[in-house]
Amino acid sequence: MKDFGIAVQFCLAHLIRDVKFLITLPDEQTKAYGIRLLDEIREMFRVIHRREQRQEAGFLEALDVRRQKILTVGLESVPESREAQNMANRFRKHGEAYFRFITTPGMDPTNNVAEQAIRFVVIDRLVTQGTRSQKGRKWCERIWTVLATCARQGRSAFEFILEAVKADFAGSPWPSLLPAVPSTGRGPP
């Protein structure tokens, strides 16, 4: 992703869940580390919830201060426990990726949209127990792609599949999942 300049936002909700896990551990130092991190994350959300009370520049500056505090707490005085060290390593390797939503307009601090997009696949796998063959996996990949693409385009997956089957029987070209591109009136590209 770095090679192509893709901005990645790691899910803040998952980070919070993992920090809360640290608080449940029996080691007192790890628990205190988790509490410090969670307190700093709460402070960041206080800034976010008071956004209307600040001008944009002041809001972004306050948010950046909170980001830096979270990273500082995440990297300093880290207990020796495996869980705390794992958290610190995440901050070392990917710390900025948890806060990219601060500097990138339109970026969501969670990956809920992506998770919702594949939720039906996870449920299907749980219900059906998956497949046992390469042919079955290929079928699932294709039908899941059709279902997800049609849903995103507001198209009926049933109608698309029906048209594809009719086209196959008739020896005609299959319908496309690519969205229709509006004509510019200038001819083919």
N, C-alpha and C. Protein backbone atom coordinates (compact mmCIF):
# COMPACT_ATOMS: atom_id res chain seq x y z
N MET A 1 0.83 -1.19 0.00
CA MET A 1 0.00 0.00 0.00
C MET A 1 0.87 1.26 0.00
N LYS A 2 2.02 1.18 0.70
CA LYS A 2 2.91 2.33 0.71
C LYS A 2 3.44 2.63 -0.69
N ASP A 3 3.68 1.56 -1.47
CA ASP A 3 4.24 1.73 -2.81
C ASP A 3 3.31 2.51 -3.73
N PHE A 4 2.02 2.50 -3.45
CA PHE A 4 1.06 3.15 -4.33
C PHE A 4 0.37 4.35 -3.67
N GLY A 5 0.87 4.78 -2.52
CA GLY A 5 0.33 5.96 -1.87
C GLY A 5 -1.08 5.79 -1.34
N ILE A 6 -1.44 4.58 -0.93
CA ILE A 6 -2.77 4.33 -0.40
C ILE A 6 -2.79 4.67 1.08
N ALA A 7 -3.71 5.53 1.47
CA ALA A 7 -3.85 5.91 2.88
C ALA A 7 -4.69 4.86 3.59
N VAL A 8 -4.17 4.31 4.67
CA VAL A 8 -4.86 3.26 5.42
C VAL A 8 -5.30 3.82 6.76
N GLN A 9 -6.54 3.56 7.11
CA GLN A 9 -7.06 3.92 8.42
C GLN A 9 -7.36 2.63 9.16
N PHE A 10 -6.60 2.34 10.20
CA PHE A 10 -6.89 1.17 11.01
C PHE A 10 -8.11 1.49 11.86
N CYS A 11 -8.84 0.46 12.21
CA CYS A 11 -10.11 0.64 12.91
C CYS A 11 -9.89 1.06 14.36
N LEU A 12 -10.38 2.25 14.69
CA LEU A 12 -10.25 2.77 16.04
C LEU A 12 -11.10 1.96 17.02
N ALA A 13 -12.23 1.45 16.56
CA ALA A 13 -13.09 0.63 17.44
C ALA A 13 -12.36 -0.64 17.87
N HIS A 14 -11.60 -1.23 16.95
CA HIS A 14 -10.84 -2.43 17.31
C HIS A 14 -9.71 -2.09 18.28
N LEU A 15 -9.09 -0.95 18.09
CA LEU A 15 -8.04 -0.52 19.02
C LEU A 15 -8.62 -0.35 20.42
N ILE A 16 -9.76 0.31 20.51
CA ILE A 16 -10.40 0.52 21.82
C ILE A 16 -10.73 -0.82 22.47
N ARG A 17 -11.27 -1.75 21.69
CA ARG A 17 -11.58 -3.08 22.22
C ARG A 17 -10.33 -3.74 22.77
N ASP A 18 -9.22 -3.63 22.06
CA ASP A 18 -7.98 -4.27 22.50
C ASP A 18 -7.38 -3.58 23.72
N VAL A 19 -7.53 -2.26 23.80
CA VAL A 19 -7.06 -1.54 24.99
C VAL A 19 -7.90 -1.94 26.20
N LYS A 20 -9.21 -2.06 26.01
CA LYS A 20 -10.09 -2.49 27.11
C LYS A 20 -9.72 -3.90 27.58
N PHE A 21 -9.27 -4.74 26.66
CA PHE A 21 -8.82 -6.09 27.03
C PHE A 21 -7.65 -6.00 28.00
N LEU A 22 -6.73 -5.07 27.79
CA LEU A 22 -5.57 -4.93 28.68
C LEU A 22 -6.02 -4.68 30.12
N ILE A 23 -7.11 -3.97 30.28
CA ILE A 23 -7.61 -3.63 31.61
C ILE A 23 -8.15 -4.86 32.34
N THR A 24 -8.51 -5.90 31.60
CA THR A 24 -9.06 -7.10 32.23
C THR A 24 -7.98 -8.07 32.70
N LEU A 25 -6.73 -7.82 32.33
CA LEU A 25 -5.66 -8.76 32.66
C LEU A 25 -5.26 -8.64 34.13
N PRO A 26 -4.76 -9.71 34.71
CA PRO A 26 -4.42 -9.70 36.15
C PRO A 26 -3.17 -8.89 36.49
N ASP A 27 -2.25 -8.74 35.55
CA ASP A 27 -1.02 -8.00 35.82
C ASP A 27 -1.34 -6.52 36.05
N GLU A 28 -1.00 -6.01 37.21
CA GLU A 28 -1.36 -4.64 37.59
C GLU A 28 -0.69 -3.59 36.70
N GLN A 29 0.54 -3.82 36.29
CA GLN A 29 1.22 -2.85 35.42
C GLN A 29 0.55 -2.79 34.04
N THR A 30 0.18 -3.95 33.53
CA THR A 30 -0.50 -3.99 32.24
C THR A 30 -1.86 -3.32 32.34
N LYS A 31 -2.55 -3.59 33.42
CA LYS A 31 -3.86 -2.97 33.65
C LYS A 31 -3.72 -1.45 33.72
N ALA A 32 -2.71 -0.96 34.44
CA ALA A 32 -2.49 0.50 34.56
C ALA A 32 -2.14 1.10 33.20
N TYR A 33 -1.36 0.39 32.41
CA TYR A 33 -1.01 0.82 31.05
C TYR A 33 -2.28 0.95 30.21
N GLY A 34 -3.14 -0.04 30.28
CA GLY A 34 -4.40 -0.01 29.55
C GLY A 34 -5.28 1.14 29.99
N ILE A 35 -5.32 1.40 31.28
CA ILE A 35 -6.14 2.51 31.81
C ILE A 35 -5.61 3.85 31.31
N ARG A 36 -4.28 4.01 31.30
CA ARG A 36 -3.68 5.26 30.79
C ARG A 36 -4.04 5.47 29.32
N LEU A 37 -3.93 4.40 28.53
CA LEU A 37 -4.29 4.49 27.12
C LEU A 37 -5.76 4.83 26.93
N LEU A 38 -6.61 4.14 27.66
CA LEU A 38 -8.05 4.37 27.53
C LEU A 38 -8.42 5.79 27.96
N ASP A 39 -7.78 6.30 28.98
CA ASP A 39 -8.03 7.69 29.41
C ASP A 39 -7.67 8.67 28.30
N GLU A 40 -6.54 8.44 27.63
CA GLU A 40 -6.14 9.34 26.54
C GLU A 40 -7.09 9.24 25.34
N ILE A 41 -7.55 8.04 25.06
CA ILE A 41 -8.51 7.87 23.97
C ILE A 41 -9.82 8.58 24.31
N ARG A 42 -10.25 8.49 25.57
CA ARG A 42 -11.46 9.21 26.00
C ARG A 42 -11.29 10.73 25.83
N GLU A 43 -10.10 11.21 26.14
CA GLU A 43 -9.84 12.65 25.97
C GLU A 43 -9.94 13.05 24.50
N MET A 44 -9.48 12.18 23.61
CA MET A 44 -9.60 12.46 22.19
C MET A 44 -11.07 12.54 21.79
N PHE A 45 -11.89 11.65 22.33
CA PHE A 45 -13.32 11.69 22.00
C PHE A 45 -14.01 12.91 22.61
N ARG A 46 -13.50 13.39 23.74
CA ARG A 46 -14.05 14.64 24.30
C ARG A 46 -13.82 15.80 23.32
N VAL A 47 -12.63 15.82 22.73
CA VAL A 47 -12.33 16.85 21.72
C VAL A 47 -13.28 16.70 20.53
N ILE A 48 -13.46 15.48 20.07
CA ILE A 48 -14.33 15.22 18.92
C ILE A 48 -15.76 15.65 19.22
N HIS A 49 -16.26 15.34 20.40
CA HIS A 49 -17.64 15.67 20.75
C HIS A 49 -17.86 17.17 20.97
N ARG A 50 -16.79 17.90 21.16
CA ARG A 50 -16.90 19.36 21.35
C ARG A 50 -16.45 20.12 20.11
N ARG A 51 -16.49 19.48 18.98
CA ARG A 51 -16.02 20.08 17.73
C ARG A 51 -16.70 21.41 17.44
N GLU A 52 -17.99 21.49 17.65
CA GLU A 52 -18.74 22.71 17.31
C GLU A 52 -18.30 23.91 18.16
N GLN A 53 -17.65 23.65 19.27
CA GLN A 53 -17.22 24.73 20.15
C GLN A 53 -15.88 25.35 19.73
N ARG A 54 -15.28 24.82 18.70
CA ARG A 54 -13.96 25.32 18.24
C ARG A 54 -14.02 25.65 16.77
N GLN A 55 -13.10 26.53 16.37
CA GLN A 55 -12.92 26.77 14.95
C GLN A 55 -12.15 25.58 14.38
N GLU A 56 -12.23 25.37 13.07
CA GLU A 56 -11.64 24.18 12.44
C GLU A 56 -10.16 24.03 12.78
N ALA A 57 -9.39 25.09 12.69
CA ALA A 57 -7.95 25.00 12.96
C ALA A 57 -7.70 24.60 14.41
N GLY A 58 -8.44 25.18 15.33
CA GLY A 58 -8.28 24.83 16.74
C GLY A 58 -8.69 23.41 17.03
N PHE A 59 -9.73 22.96 16.36
CA PHE A 59 -10.19 21.58 16.52
C PHE A 59 -9.12 20.60 16.05
N LEU A 60 -8.58 20.84 14.85
CA LEU A 60 -7.57 19.93 14.31
C LEU A 60 -6.30 19.94 15.16
N GLU A 61 -5.95 21.10 15.68
CA GLU A 61 -4.77 21.19 16.55
C GLU A 61 -5.00 20.40 17.84
N ALA A 62 -6.18 20.56 18.45
CA ALA A 62 -6.50 19.83 19.68
C ALA A 62 -6.54 18.32 19.43
N LEU A 63 -7.06 17.94 18.29
CA LEU A 63 -7.12 16.52 17.93
C LEU A 63 -5.72 15.96 17.74
N ASP A 64 -4.85 16.74 17.12
CA ASP A 64 -3.48 16.28 16.91
C ASP A 64 -2.73 16.15 18.24
N VAL A 65 -3.00 17.05 19.17
CA VAL A 65 -2.39 16.95 20.51
C VAL A 65 -2.83 15.64 21.18
N ARG A 66 -4.12 15.32 21.07
CA ARG A 66 -4.64 14.08 21.67
C ARG A 66 -4.01 12.86 21.00
N ARG A 67 -3.87 12.91 19.67
CA ARG A 67 -3.25 11.81 18.94
C ARG A 67 -1.84 11.57 19.46
N GLN A 68 -1.08 12.66 19.57
CA GLN A 68 0.30 12.54 20.04
C GLN A 68 0.36 12.00 21.46
N LYS A 69 -0.58 12.42 22.31
CA LYS A 69 -0.59 11.91 23.70
C LYS A 69 -0.86 10.41 23.73
N ILE A 70 -1.80 9.96 22.90
CA ILE A 70 -2.10 8.53 22.85
C ILE A 70 -0.86 7.75 22.42
N LEU A 71 -0.19 8.23 21.38
CA LEU A 71 1.01 7.55 20.90
C LEU A 71 2.12 7.56 21.94
N THR A 72 2.26 8.67 22.65
CA THR A 72 3.28 8.77 23.69
C THR A 72 3.01 7.77 24.80
N VAL A 73 1.77 7.74 25.29
CA VAL A 73 1.41 6.80 26.35
C VAL A 73 1.58 5.36 25.86
N GLY A 74 1.23 5.12 24.60
CA GLY A 74 1.34 3.78 24.05
C GLY A 74 2.76 3.28 23.89
N LEU A 75 3.73 4.22 23.84
CA LEU A 75 5.11 3.84 23.59
C LEU A 75 6.05 4.02 24.78
N GLU A 76 5.59 4.73 25.81
CA GLU A 76 6.45 4.98 26.97
C GLU A 76 5.99 4.17 28.17
N SER A 77 6.94 3.77 28.99
CA SER A 77 6.67 3.00 30.21
C SER A 77 5.78 1.80 29.95
N VAL A 78 6.15 1.04 28.93
CA VAL A 78 5.36 -0.14 28.55
C VAL A 78 5.77 -1.30 29.44
N PRO A 79 4.80 -1.92 30.10
CA PRO A 79 5.12 -3.09 30.93
C PRO A 79 5.72 -4.23 30.11
N GLU A 80 6.33 -5.17 30.78
CA GLU A 80 7.00 -6.29 30.11
C GLU A 80 6.04 -7.38 29.65
N SER A 81 4.78 -7.31 30.00
CA SER A 81 3.85 -8.37 29.61
C SER A 81 3.75 -8.46 28.09
N ARG A 82 3.49 -9.66 27.61
CA ARG A 82 3.38 -9.89 26.17
C ARG A 82 2.29 -9.02 25.56
N GLU A 83 1.15 -8.89 26.23
CA GLU A 83 0.02 -8.13 25.70
C GLU A 83 0.36 -6.64 25.59
N ALA A 84 1.02 -6.10 26.60
CA ALA A 84 1.40 -4.68 26.56
C ALA A 84 2.47 -4.45 25.48
N GLN A 85 3.42 -5.36 25.38
CA GLN A 85 4.45 -5.23 24.35
C GLN A 85 3.85 -5.32 22.95
N ASN A 86 2.86 -6.19 22.78
CA ASN A 86 2.17 -6.30 21.49
C ASN A 86 1.48 -4.98 21.14
N MET A 87 0.84 -4.37 22.13
CA MET A 87 0.17 -3.09 21.89
C MET A 87 1.19 -2.02 21.51
N ALA A 88 2.29 -1.95 22.23
CA ALA A 88 3.33 -0.97 21.93
C ALA A 88 3.89 -1.19 20.52
N ASN A 89 4.08 -2.45 20.15
CA ASN A 89 4.57 -2.74 18.79
C ASN A 89 3.58 -2.28 17.74
N ARG A 90 2.30 -2.44 18.01
CA ARG A 90 1.28 -1.94 17.07
C ARG A 90 1.40 -0.43 16.92
N PHE A 91 1.61 0.28 18.03
CA PHE A 91 1.76 1.73 17.95
C PHE A 91 3.04 2.10 17.20
N ARG A 92 4.12 1.34 17.41
CA ARG A 92 5.37 1.62 16.70
C ARG A 92 5.20 1.43 15.19
N LYS A 93 4.59 0.32 14.81
CA LYS A 93 4.47 -0.01 13.39
C LYS A 93 3.34 0.72 12.69
N HIS A 94 2.21 0.90 13.37
CA HIS A 94 1.01 1.40 12.69
C HIS A 94 0.33 2.55 13.43
N GLY A 95 1.00 3.16 14.37
CA GLY A 95 0.35 4.19 15.20
C GLY A 95 -0.35 5.27 14.41
N GLU A 96 0.31 5.78 13.40
CA GLU A 96 -0.28 6.86 12.61
C GLU A 96 -1.52 6.40 11.85
N ALA A 97 -1.56 5.12 11.50
CA ALA A 97 -2.69 4.61 10.72
C ALA A 97 -3.98 4.55 11.54
N TYR A 98 -3.89 4.63 12.85
CA TYR A 98 -5.10 4.68 13.68
C TYR A 98 -5.71 6.08 13.70
N PHE A 99 -4.93 7.07 13.30
CA PHE A 99 -5.37 8.46 13.42
C PHE A 99 -5.39 9.21 12.10
N ARG A 100 -5.31 8.50 11.01
CA ARG A 100 -5.31 9.13 9.70
C ARG A 100 -6.60 9.91 9.44
N PHE A 101 -7.70 9.50 10.07
CA PHE A 101 -8.97 10.21 9.89
C PHE A 101 -8.88 11.67 10.33
N ILE A 102 -7.90 11.98 11.16
CA ILE A 102 -7.73 13.35 11.64
C ILE A 102 -7.27 14.26 10.50
N THR A 103 -6.39 13.76 9.66
CA THR A 103 -5.80 14.59 8.61
C THR A 103 -6.37 14.33 7.21
N THR A 104 -7.21 13.31 7.08
CA THR A 104 -7.74 12.97 5.77
C THR A 104 -9.25 13.17 5.77
N PRO A 105 -9.73 14.24 5.13
CA PRO A 105 -11.16 14.50 5.11
C PRO A 105 -11.93 13.33 4.47
N GLY A 106 -13.06 12.99 5.06
CA GLY A 106 -13.91 11.95 4.54
C GLY A 106 -13.51 10.54 4.96
N MET A 107 -12.41 10.41 5.70
CA MET A 107 -11.99 9.08 6.14
C MET A 107 -12.66 8.77 7.47
N ASP A 108 -13.24 7.59 7.57
CA ASP A 108 -13.94 7.14 8.76
C ASP A 108 -12.94 6.54 9.74
N PRO A 109 -13.08 6.79 11.04
CA PRO A 109 -12.12 6.24 12.01
C PRO A 109 -12.30 4.75 12.26
N THR A 110 -13.30 4.14 11.68
CA THR A 110 -13.50 2.70 11.84
C THR A 110 -13.56 2.04 10.47
N ASN A 111 -13.57 0.73 10.47
CA ASN A 111 -13.71 0.02 9.21
C ASN A 111 -15.10 -0.61 9.11
N ASN A 112 -16.08 0.01 9.73
CA ASN A 112 -17.44 -0.53 9.75
C ASN A 112 -18.01 -0.74 8.35
N VAL A 113 -17.73 0.18 7.43
CA VAL A 113 -18.27 0.05 6.08
C VAL A 113 -17.74 -1.22 5.42
N ALA A 114 -16.45 -1.46 5.55
CA ALA A 114 -15.85 -2.67 4.97
C ALA A 114 -16.39 -3.92 5.64
N GLU A 115 -16.52 -3.89 6.96
CA GLU A 115 -17.05 -5.05 7.66
C GLU A 115 -18.49 -5.33 7.27
N GLN A 116 -19.28 -4.28 7.12
CA GLN A 116 -20.67 -4.48 6.73
C GLN A 116 -20.76 -5.04 5.31
N ALA A 117 -19.83 -4.65 4.45
CA ALA A 117 -19.86 -5.12 3.07
C ALA A 117 -19.61 -6.62 2.97
N ILE A 118 -18.83 -7.18 3.89
CA ILE A 118 -18.55 -8.62 3.82
C ILE A 118 -19.30 -9.42 4.87
N ARG A 119 -20.14 -8.78 5.63
CA ARG A 119 -20.85 -9.47 6.71
C ARG A 119 -21.64 -10.68 6.19
N PHE A 120 -22.33 -10.53 5.07
CA PHE A 120 -23.13 -11.64 4.55
C PHE A 120 -22.25 -12.83 4.19
N VAL A 121 -21.00 -12.56 3.78
CA VAL A 121 -20.08 -13.66 3.44
C VAL A 121 -19.73 -14.44 4.70
N VAL A 122 -19.46 -13.73 5.77
CA VAL A 122 -19.11 -14.38 7.04
C VAL A 122 -20.29 -15.20 7.54
N ILE A 123 -21.48 -14.62 7.48
CA ILE A 123 -22.67 -15.34 7.93
C ILE A 123 -22.90 -16.58 7.08
N ASP A 124 -22.77 -16.44 5.77
CA ASP A 124 -22.95 -17.58 4.87
C ASP A 124 -21.96 -18.69 5.20
N ARG A 125 -20.72 -18.33 5.44
CA ARG A 125 -19.71 -19.32 5.78
C ARG A 125 -20.04 -20.04 7.08
N LEU A 126 -20.55 -19.28 8.07
CA LEU A 126 -20.92 -19.89 9.34
C LEU A 126 -22.11 -20.84 9.18
N VAL A 127 -23.10 -20.43 8.40
CA VAL A 127 -24.31 -21.23 8.22
C VAL A 127 -24.03 -22.48 7.40
N THR A 128 -23.27 -22.33 6.32
CA THR A 128 -23.06 -23.45 5.40
C THR A 128 -21.82 -24.27 5.72
N GLN A 129 -21.00 -23.80 6.63
CA GLN A 129 -19.72 -24.44 6.95
C GLN A 129 -18.74 -24.41 5.78
N GLY A 130 -18.95 -23.49 4.85
CA GLY A 130 -18.03 -23.31 3.74
C GLY A 130 -18.12 -24.42 2.72
N THR A 131 -17.08 -24.55 1.91
CA THR A 131 -17.05 -25.58 0.87
C THR A 131 -15.81 -26.44 1.07
N ARG A 132 -15.77 -27.56 0.40
CA ARG A 132 -14.64 -28.47 0.55
C ARG A 132 -13.85 -28.64 -0.74
N SER A 133 -14.21 -27.91 -1.77
CA SER A 133 -13.52 -28.11 -3.04
C SER A 133 -13.14 -26.76 -3.66
N GLN A 134 -12.21 -26.84 -4.58
CA GLN A 134 -11.80 -25.64 -5.31
C GLN A 134 -12.97 -25.11 -6.13
N LYS A 135 -13.74 -26.01 -6.72
CA LYS A 135 -14.90 -25.61 -7.52
C LYS A 135 -15.93 -24.88 -6.65
N GLY A 136 -16.16 -25.38 -5.45
CA GLY A 136 -17.10 -24.75 -4.52
C GLY A 136 -16.62 -23.37 -4.09
N ARG A 137 -15.33 -23.26 -3.81
CA ARG A 137 -14.78 -21.96 -3.42
C ARG A 137 -14.90 -20.95 -4.55
N LYS A 138 -14.64 -21.42 -5.77
CA LYS A 138 -14.74 -20.51 -6.93
C LYS A 138 -16.20 -20.04 -7.09
N TRP A 139 -17.16 -20.96 -6.94
CA TRP A 139 -18.58 -20.59 -7.03
C TRP A 139 -18.92 -19.55 -5.97
N CYS A 140 -18.49 -19.79 -4.73
CA CYS A 140 -18.80 -18.85 -3.64
C CYS A 140 -18.19 -17.49 -3.91
N GLU A 141 -16.93 -17.45 -4.34
CA GLU A 141 -16.29 -16.17 -4.66
C GLU A 141 -17.11 -15.40 -5.69
N ARG A 142 -17.55 -16.10 -6.71
CA ARG A 142 -18.26 -15.44 -7.80
C ARG A 142 -19.65 -14.98 -7.38
N ILE A 143 -20.38 -15.84 -6.69
CA ILE A 143 -21.75 -15.46 -6.31
C ILE A 143 -21.71 -14.35 -5.26
N TRP A 144 -20.73 -14.40 -4.34
CA TRP A 144 -20.62 -13.33 -3.35
C TRP A 144 -20.28 -12.00 -4.02
N THR A 145 -19.44 -12.06 -5.05
CA THR A 145 -19.11 -10.84 -5.80
C THR A 145 -20.35 -10.28 -6.48
N VAL A 146 -21.13 -11.15 -7.09
CA VAL A 146 -22.37 -10.72 -7.75
C VAL A 146 -23.32 -10.09 -6.73
N LEU A 147 -23.51 -10.77 -5.60
CA LEU A 147 -24.44 -10.26 -4.58
C LEU A 147 -24.00 -8.90 -4.04
N ALA A 148 -22.71 -8.79 -3.71
CA ALA A 148 -22.20 -7.53 -3.15
C ALA A 148 -22.25 -6.40 -4.18
N THR A 149 -21.86 -6.69 -5.40
CA THR A 149 -21.84 -5.66 -6.44
C THR A 149 -23.25 -5.19 -6.76
N CYS A 150 -24.17 -6.14 -6.92
CA CYS A 150 -25.57 -5.75 -7.20
C CYS A 150 -26.14 -4.93 -6.04
N ALA A 151 -25.85 -5.31 -4.82
CA ALA A 151 -26.35 -4.56 -3.66
C ALA A 151 -25.81 -3.13 -3.68
N ARG A 152 -24.52 -2.98 -3.96
CA ARG A 152 -23.93 -1.63 -3.98
C ARG A 152 -24.50 -0.77 -5.11
N GLN A 153 -24.87 -1.42 -6.21
CA GLN A 153 -25.39 -0.68 -7.36
C GLN A 153 -26.91 -0.53 -7.31
N GLY A 154 -27.54 -1.11 -6.28
CA GLY A 154 -28.99 -1.03 -6.18
C GLY A 154 -29.69 -1.87 -7.24
N ARG A 155 -29.01 -2.90 -7.72
CA ARG A 155 -29.58 -3.78 -8.73
C ARG A 155 -30.09 -5.05 -8.06
N SER A 156 -30.99 -5.72 -8.72
CA SER A 156 -31.50 -7.00 -8.24
C SER A 156 -30.51 -8.09 -8.64
N ALA A 157 -29.97 -8.79 -7.64
CA ALA A 157 -29.06 -9.90 -7.93
C ALA A 157 -29.81 -11.01 -8.66
N PHE A 158 -31.07 -11.23 -8.27
CA PHE A 158 -31.87 -12.25 -8.94
C PHE A 158 -32.00 -11.94 -10.43
N GLU A 159 -32.34 -10.67 -10.74
CA GLU A 159 -32.50 -10.28 -12.15
C GLU A 159 -31.19 -10.44 -12.91
N PHE A 160 -30.08 -10.06 -12.28
CA PHE A 160 -28.77 -10.19 -12.93
C PHE A 160 -28.47 -11.66 -13.23
N ILE A 161 -28.67 -12.53 -12.24
CA ILE A 161 -28.38 -13.96 -12.43
C ILE A 161 -29.32 -14.55 -13.48
N LEU A 162 -30.59 -14.15 -13.45
CA LEU A 162 -31.55 -14.62 -14.44
C LEU A 162 -31.10 -14.23 -15.85
N GLU A 163 -30.68 -12.97 -16.02
CA GLU A 163 -30.21 -12.50 -17.34
C GLU A 163 -28.95 -13.25 -17.76
N ALA A 164 -28.07 -13.53 -16.81
CA ALA A 164 -26.83 -14.26 -17.13
C ALA A 164 -27.15 -15.68 -17.60
N VAL A 165 -28.09 -16.35 -16.92
CA VAL A 165 -28.46 -17.71 -17.32
C VAL A 165 -29.13 -17.70 -18.69
N LYS A 166 -30.05 -16.75 -18.90
CA LYS A 166 -30.72 -16.64 -20.21
C LYS A 166 -29.68 -16.40 -21.32
N ALA A 167 -28.73 -15.51 -21.07
CA ALA A 167 -27.70 -15.20 -22.07
C ALA A 167 -26.85 -16.43 -22.36
N ASP A 168 -26.52 -17.18 -21.32
CA ASP A 168 -25.70 -18.37 -21.51
C ASP A 168 -26.44 -19.40 -22.37
N PHE A 169 -27.71 -19.64 -22.07
CA PHE A 169 -28.50 -20.59 -22.86
C PHE A 169 -28.67 -20.13 -24.31
N ALA A 170 -28.78 -18.82 -24.50
CA ALA A 170 -28.98 -18.28 -25.85
C ALA A 170 -27.66 -18.10 -26.59
N GLY A 171 -26.55 -18.29 -25.91
CA GLY A 171 -25.25 -18.07 -26.54
C GLY A 171 -24.94 -16.61 -26.76
N SER A 172 -25.61 -15.75 -25.99
CA SER A 172 -25.41 -14.29 -26.08
C SER A 172 -24.36 -13.85 -25.06
N PRO A 173 -23.86 -12.62 -25.21
CA PRO A 173 -22.92 -12.10 -24.21
C PRO A 173 -23.62 -11.97 -22.85
N TRP A 174 -22.88 -12.28 -21.81
CA TRP A 174 -23.42 -12.19 -20.46
C TRP A 174 -23.56 -10.72 -20.06
N PRO A 175 -24.44 -10.43 -19.14
CA PRO A 175 -24.55 -9.05 -18.65
C PRO A 175 -23.29 -8.68 -17.85
N SER A 176 -23.04 -7.41 -17.74
CA SER A 176 -21.85 -6.93 -17.04
C SER A 176 -22.20 -6.45 -15.64
N LEU A 177 -21.27 -6.66 -14.72
CA LEU A 177 -21.42 -6.11 -13.37
C LEU A 177 -20.86 -4.69 -13.28
N LEU A 178 -20.17 -4.26 -14.32
CA LEU A 178 -19.61 -2.92 -14.31
C LEU A 178 -20.75 -1.91 -14.35
N PRO A 179 -20.65 -0.84 -13.56
CA PRO A 179 -21.72 0.15 -13.60
C PRO A 179 -21.77 0.84 -14.95
N ALA A 180 -22.95 1.24 -15.34
CA ALA A 180 -23.11 1.96 -16.60
C ALA A 180 -22.38 3.30 -16.50
N VAL A 181 -21.60 3.61 -17.51
CA VAL A 181 -20.85 4.87 -17.54
C VAL A 181 -21.65 5.85 -18.38
N PRO A 182 -21.95 7.05 -17.82
CA PRO A 182 -22.72 8.02 -18.60
C PRO A 182 -21.96 8.43 -19.86
N SER A 183 -22.68 8.58 -20.94
CA SER A 183 -22.09 8.96 -22.21
C SER A 183 -21.69 10.43 -22.18
N THR A 184 -20.52 10.71 -22.74
CA THR A 184 -20.05 12.10 -22.82
C THR A 184 -20.44 12.72 -24.14
N GLY A 185 -20.93 11.88 -25.08
CA GLY A 185 -21.34 12.39 -26.38
C GLY A 185 -20.16 12.58 -27.30
N ARG A 186 -18.95 12.16 -26.88
CA ARG A 186 -17.77 12.38 -27.70
C ARG A 186 -17.31 11.11 -28.40
N GLY A 187 -18.08 10.05 -28.31
CA GLY A 187 -17.68 8.83 -28.98
C GLY A 187 -16.87 7.96 -28.06
N PRO A 188 -16.34 6.87 -28.58
CA PRO A 188 -15.58 5.94 -27.73
C PRO A 188 -14.29 6.57 -27.25
N PRO A 189 -13.83 6.16 -26.05
CA PRO A 189 -12.58 6.73 -25.52
C PRO A 189 -11.38 6.28 -26.32
